[in-house]
N, C-alpha and C. Protein backbone atom coordinates (compact mmCIF):
# COMPACT_ATOMS: atom_id res chain seq x y z
N MET A 1 15.21 -0.96 11.40
CA MET A 1 14.25 -1.91 10.61
C MET A 1 13.22 -2.29 11.29
N SER A 2 12.10 -2.25 10.61
CA SER A 2 10.71 -2.83 11.32
C SER A 2 10.39 -4.08 10.50
N GLU A 3 9.26 -4.86 11.14
CA GLU A 3 8.95 -5.64 10.52
C GLU A 3 8.23 -5.64 9.13
N LEU A 4 7.90 -4.38 8.88
CA LEU A 4 7.27 -4.09 7.59
C LEU A 4 8.22 -4.25 6.56
N LEU A 5 9.49 -4.06 6.71
CA LEU A 5 10.56 -4.40 5.67
C LEU A 5 10.47 -5.79 5.29
N LYS A 6 9.94 -6.84 6.10
CA LYS A 6 9.87 -8.18 5.77
C LYS A 6 8.76 -8.66 4.80
N LEU A 7 7.95 -7.77 4.68
CA LEU A 7 6.91 -7.98 3.71
C LEU A 7 7.20 -7.59 2.27
N ILE A 8 6.71 -8.58 1.51
CA ILE A 8 7.00 -8.42 -0.05
C ILE A 8 6.41 -6.98 -0.68
N ASN A 9 7.26 -6.52 -1.58
CA ASN A 9 6.72 -5.08 -1.93
C ASN A 9 7.13 -3.93 -1.44
N ILE A 10 7.55 -4.14 0.15
CA ILE A 10 7.66 -2.92 0.93
C ILE A 10 9.25 -2.65 1.04
N GLY A 11 9.80 -1.53 0.35
CA GLY A 11 11.04 -0.93 0.47
C GLY A 11 11.11 -0.01 1.69
N LYS A 12 12.26 0.50 1.61
CA LYS A 12 12.75 1.43 2.73
C LYS A 12 11.54 2.80 2.64
N LYS A 13 11.35 3.24 1.43
CA LYS A 13 10.74 4.28 1.38
C LYS A 13 9.11 4.22 1.83
N VAL A 14 8.50 3.33 1.39
CA VAL A 14 7.20 2.76 1.72
C VAL A 14 7.15 2.44 3.19
N GLU A 15 8.28 1.80 3.83
CA GLU A 15 8.36 1.55 5.20
C GLU A 15 8.30 2.83 5.99
N GLU A 16 9.02 3.94 5.67
CA GLU A 16 9.11 4.94 6.40
C GLU A 16 7.84 5.71 6.20
N GLN A 17 7.07 5.71 4.97
CA GLN A 17 5.86 6.20 4.96
C GLN A 17 4.81 5.86 5.87
N LEU A 18 4.76 4.34 5.90
CA LEU A 18 4.00 3.51 6.77
C LEU A 18 4.09 4.09 8.27
N LEU A 19 5.34 4.05 8.57
CA LEU A 19 5.62 4.51 9.86
C LEU A 19 5.37 5.81 10.34
N GLN A 20 5.25 6.87 9.19
CA GLN A 20 4.98 8.31 9.62
C GLN A 20 3.40 8.30 9.58
N VAL A 21 2.49 7.55 9.09
CA VAL A 21 1.28 7.53 9.38
C VAL A 21 0.80 6.63 10.43
N GLY A 22 1.53 5.98 11.14
CA GLY A 22 1.22 5.21 12.27
C GLY A 22 1.01 3.93 12.07
N ILE A 23 1.21 3.26 10.72
CA ILE A 23 1.16 1.84 10.56
C ILE A 23 2.51 1.30 10.62
N ASP A 24 2.97 0.67 11.94
CA ASP A 24 4.11 0.17 12.25
C ASP A 24 4.26 -1.21 12.44
N THR A 25 3.18 -1.94 12.04
CA THR A 25 3.38 -3.59 11.93
C THR A 25 2.49 -4.03 10.78
N PRO A 26 3.07 -5.36 10.32
CA PRO A 26 2.26 -5.85 9.38
C PRO A 26 0.73 -6.21 9.73
N GLU A 27 0.56 -6.36 11.11
CA GLU A 27 -0.88 -6.57 11.62
C GLU A 27 -1.69 -5.36 11.30
N LYS A 28 -1.10 -4.16 11.70
CA LYS A 28 -1.75 -2.95 11.48
C LYS A 28 -2.20 -2.58 9.91
N LEU A 29 -1.19 -2.94 9.14
CA LEU A 29 -1.37 -2.78 7.68
C LEU A 29 -2.47 -3.72 7.06
N LYS A 30 -2.58 -4.91 7.67
CA LYS A 30 -3.50 -5.73 7.20
C LYS A 30 -4.91 -5.41 7.79
N GLU A 31 -5.05 -4.68 8.98
CA GLU A 31 -6.22 -4.37 9.55
C GLU A 31 -6.79 -3.03 8.83
N ILE A 32 -6.00 -2.17 8.64
CA ILE A 32 -6.31 -1.02 8.01
C ILE A 32 -6.62 -1.09 6.40
N GLY A 33 -5.81 -2.18 5.90
CA GLY A 33 -6.19 -2.61 4.44
C GLY A 33 -5.43 -1.46 3.46
N SER A 34 -5.08 -1.90 2.33
CA SER A 34 -4.39 -1.18 1.27
C SER A 34 -4.82 0.10 1.00
N LYS A 35 -6.35 0.20 0.84
CA LYS A 35 -6.90 1.57 0.36
C LYS A 35 -6.80 2.67 1.52
N GLN A 36 -7.08 2.32 2.68
CA GLN A 36 -6.88 3.21 3.87
C GLN A 36 -5.52 3.55 3.98
N ALA A 37 -4.29 2.68 3.85
CA ALA A 37 -3.31 2.83 4.11
C ALA A 37 -2.51 3.76 2.86
N TRP A 38 -3.27 3.43 1.85
CA TRP A 38 -2.74 4.27 0.68
C TRP A 38 -3.16 5.88 0.89
N LEU A 39 -4.33 6.01 1.25
CA LEU A 39 -4.95 7.30 1.48
C LEU A 39 -4.29 8.02 2.62
N LYS A 40 -3.58 7.31 3.74
CA LYS A 40 -2.81 7.84 4.55
C LYS A 40 -1.40 8.30 4.20
N ILE A 41 -0.91 7.65 3.24
CA ILE A 41 0.55 7.98 2.47
C ILE A 41 0.20 9.07 1.76
N LYS A 42 -0.94 9.00 0.92
CA LYS A 42 -1.25 9.99 0.09
C LYS A 42 -1.57 11.43 0.51
N ALA A 43 -1.94 11.57 1.81
CA ALA A 43 -2.11 12.82 2.52
C ALA A 43 -0.53 13.35 2.87
N ILE A 44 0.54 12.56 3.02
CA ILE A 44 1.77 13.17 3.28
C ILE A 44 2.64 13.00 2.04
N ASP A 45 2.26 12.45 0.91
CA ASP A 45 3.02 12.30 -0.26
C ASP A 45 2.22 12.23 -1.49
N SER A 46 1.97 13.73 -2.14
CA SER A 46 1.03 13.60 -3.16
C SER A 46 1.38 12.93 -4.44
N SER A 47 2.81 12.39 -4.51
CA SER A 47 3.06 11.54 -5.46
C SER A 47 2.62 10.07 -5.33
N ALA A 48 2.04 9.65 -4.23
CA ALA A 48 1.71 8.26 -4.14
C ALA A 48 0.71 7.72 -5.32
N CYS A 49 1.18 6.74 -6.00
CA CYS A 49 0.68 6.15 -7.36
C CYS A 49 -0.13 5.01 -7.00
N TYR A 50 -0.55 4.58 -8.25
CA TYR A 50 -1.20 3.39 -8.43
C TYR A 50 -0.43 2.17 -7.96
N ASN A 51 0.95 1.98 -8.32
CA ASN A 51 1.58 1.14 -8.09
C ASN A 51 2.02 1.03 -6.60
N ARG A 52 1.87 2.14 -5.95
CA ARG A 52 2.04 2.06 -4.47
C ARG A 52 0.91 1.27 -3.85
N LEU A 53 -0.16 1.77 -4.31
CA LEU A 53 -1.49 1.11 -3.92
C LEU A 53 -1.41 -0.40 -4.07
N CYS A 54 -1.07 -0.85 -5.20
CA CYS A 54 -1.07 -2.13 -5.61
C CYS A 54 0.14 -2.90 -4.71
N ALA A 55 1.17 -2.21 -4.53
CA ALA A 55 2.24 -2.82 -3.72
C ALA A 55 1.70 -3.13 -2.39
N LEU A 56 0.77 -2.19 -1.76
CA LEU A 56 0.42 -2.46 -0.32
C LEU A 56 -0.57 -3.50 -0.32
N GLU A 57 -1.34 -3.60 -1.30
CA GLU A 57 -2.31 -4.79 -1.45
C GLU A 57 -1.56 -6.13 -1.49
N GLY A 58 -0.41 -6.15 -2.53
CA GLY A 58 0.36 -7.27 -2.61
C GLY A 58 1.16 -7.57 -1.15
N ALA A 59 1.53 -6.84 -0.50
CA ALA A 59 2.30 -6.98 0.70
C ALA A 59 1.24 -7.51 1.75
N ILE A 60 -0.12 -7.07 1.72
CA ILE A 60 -1.07 -7.73 2.54
C ILE A 60 -1.22 -9.19 2.23
N GLN A 61 -1.43 -9.55 0.84
CA GLN A 61 -1.83 -10.68 0.42
C GLN A 61 -0.59 -11.93 0.32
N GLY A 62 0.70 -11.02 0.32
CA GLY A 62 1.89 -11.83 0.55
C GLY A 62 2.40 -12.23 -0.82
N ILE A 63 2.17 -11.45 -1.76
CA ILE A 63 2.56 -11.82 -3.35
C ILE A 63 2.93 -10.65 -3.91
N LYS A 64 3.81 -10.62 -5.01
CA LYS A 64 4.41 -9.65 -5.66
C LYS A 64 3.16 -8.91 -6.20
N TRP A 65 3.15 -7.66 -6.40
CA TRP A 65 1.87 -6.89 -6.76
C TRP A 65 1.62 -7.01 -8.34
N HIS A 66 2.44 -7.37 -9.11
CA HIS A 66 2.17 -7.67 -10.37
C HIS A 66 1.46 -8.97 -10.61
N HIS A 67 1.22 -9.76 -9.65
CA HIS A 67 0.53 -11.02 -9.81
C HIS A 67 -0.77 -10.97 -8.95
N LEU A 68 -1.17 -10.03 -8.44
CA LEU A 68 -2.52 -9.79 -8.12
C LEU A 68 -3.44 -10.07 -8.92
N GLU A 69 -4.71 -10.64 -8.77
CA GLU A 69 -5.76 -10.98 -9.63
C GLU A 69 -6.28 -9.93 -10.55
N GLU A 70 -6.67 -10.09 -11.69
CA GLU A 70 -6.91 -9.07 -12.42
C GLU A 70 -8.18 -8.25 -11.73
N ASP A 71 -9.15 -8.85 -11.23
CA ASP A 71 -10.31 -7.98 -10.76
C ASP A 71 -9.87 -7.23 -9.62
N ILE A 72 -8.94 -7.78 -8.88
CA ILE A 72 -8.36 -6.98 -7.75
C ILE A 72 -7.56 -5.87 -8.16
N LYS A 73 -6.97 -5.76 -9.17
CA LYS A 73 -6.06 -4.67 -9.84
C LYS A 73 -7.06 -3.76 -10.36
N GLN A 74 -8.13 -4.16 -10.92
CA GLN A 74 -9.26 -3.17 -11.74
C GLN A 74 -9.74 -2.48 -10.50
N GLY A 75 -10.16 -3.11 -9.45
CA GLY A 75 -10.80 -2.44 -8.43
C GLY A 75 -9.89 -1.28 -7.73
N LEU A 76 -8.66 -1.83 -7.64
CA LEU A 76 -7.75 -0.65 -7.21
C LEU A 76 -7.48 0.40 -7.99
N LYS A 77 -7.51 0.12 -9.33
CA LYS A 77 -7.31 1.13 -10.39
C LYS A 77 -8.55 2.08 -10.46
N GLU A 78 -9.70 1.61 -10.07
CA GLU A 78 -10.89 2.58 -10.07
C GLU A 78 -10.95 3.33 -8.90
N PHE A 79 -10.50 2.78 -7.62
CA PHE A 79 -10.42 3.54 -6.41
C PHE A 79 -9.28 4.49 -6.57
N TYR A 80 -8.16 4.14 -7.22
CA TYR A 80 -6.98 5.31 -7.45
C TYR A 80 -7.59 6.29 -8.24
N LYS A 81 -8.47 5.92 -9.34
CA LYS A 81 -8.79 7.21 -10.31
C LYS A 81 -9.86 8.05 -9.72
N SER A 82 -10.43 7.50 -8.72
CA SER A 82 -11.50 8.49 -7.94
C SER A 82 -10.86 9.37 -7.07
N PHE A 83 -9.45 9.41 -6.86
CA PHE A 83 -8.66 10.31 -6.00
C PHE A 83 -7.82 11.14 -6.72
N ARG A 84 -7.72 11.06 -8.09
CA ARG A 84 -6.93 11.83 -8.92
C ARG A 84 -7.63 13.17 -9.26
N LEU A 85 -6.77 14.11 -9.25
CA LEU A 85 -7.39 15.29 -9.54
C LEU A 85 -6.88 15.96 -10.92
């Protein structure tokens, strides 16, 4: 069990994916940011979705992703949509 599992919104599957892409501490996740972390995960898992992106941002902020501010969720949604094929 890594320190990542102690973060809100991070379950075993997301922890495993973060470790696979070289993000092995909460500090590294915060340093790289939710968008770049999500892109790394997307490169190994094409099913990475908007909810996962929000979960990463929530983990960084220390809140449930459902409680992210609306403008942050909107920005993440626009970012996500720009990578959908």
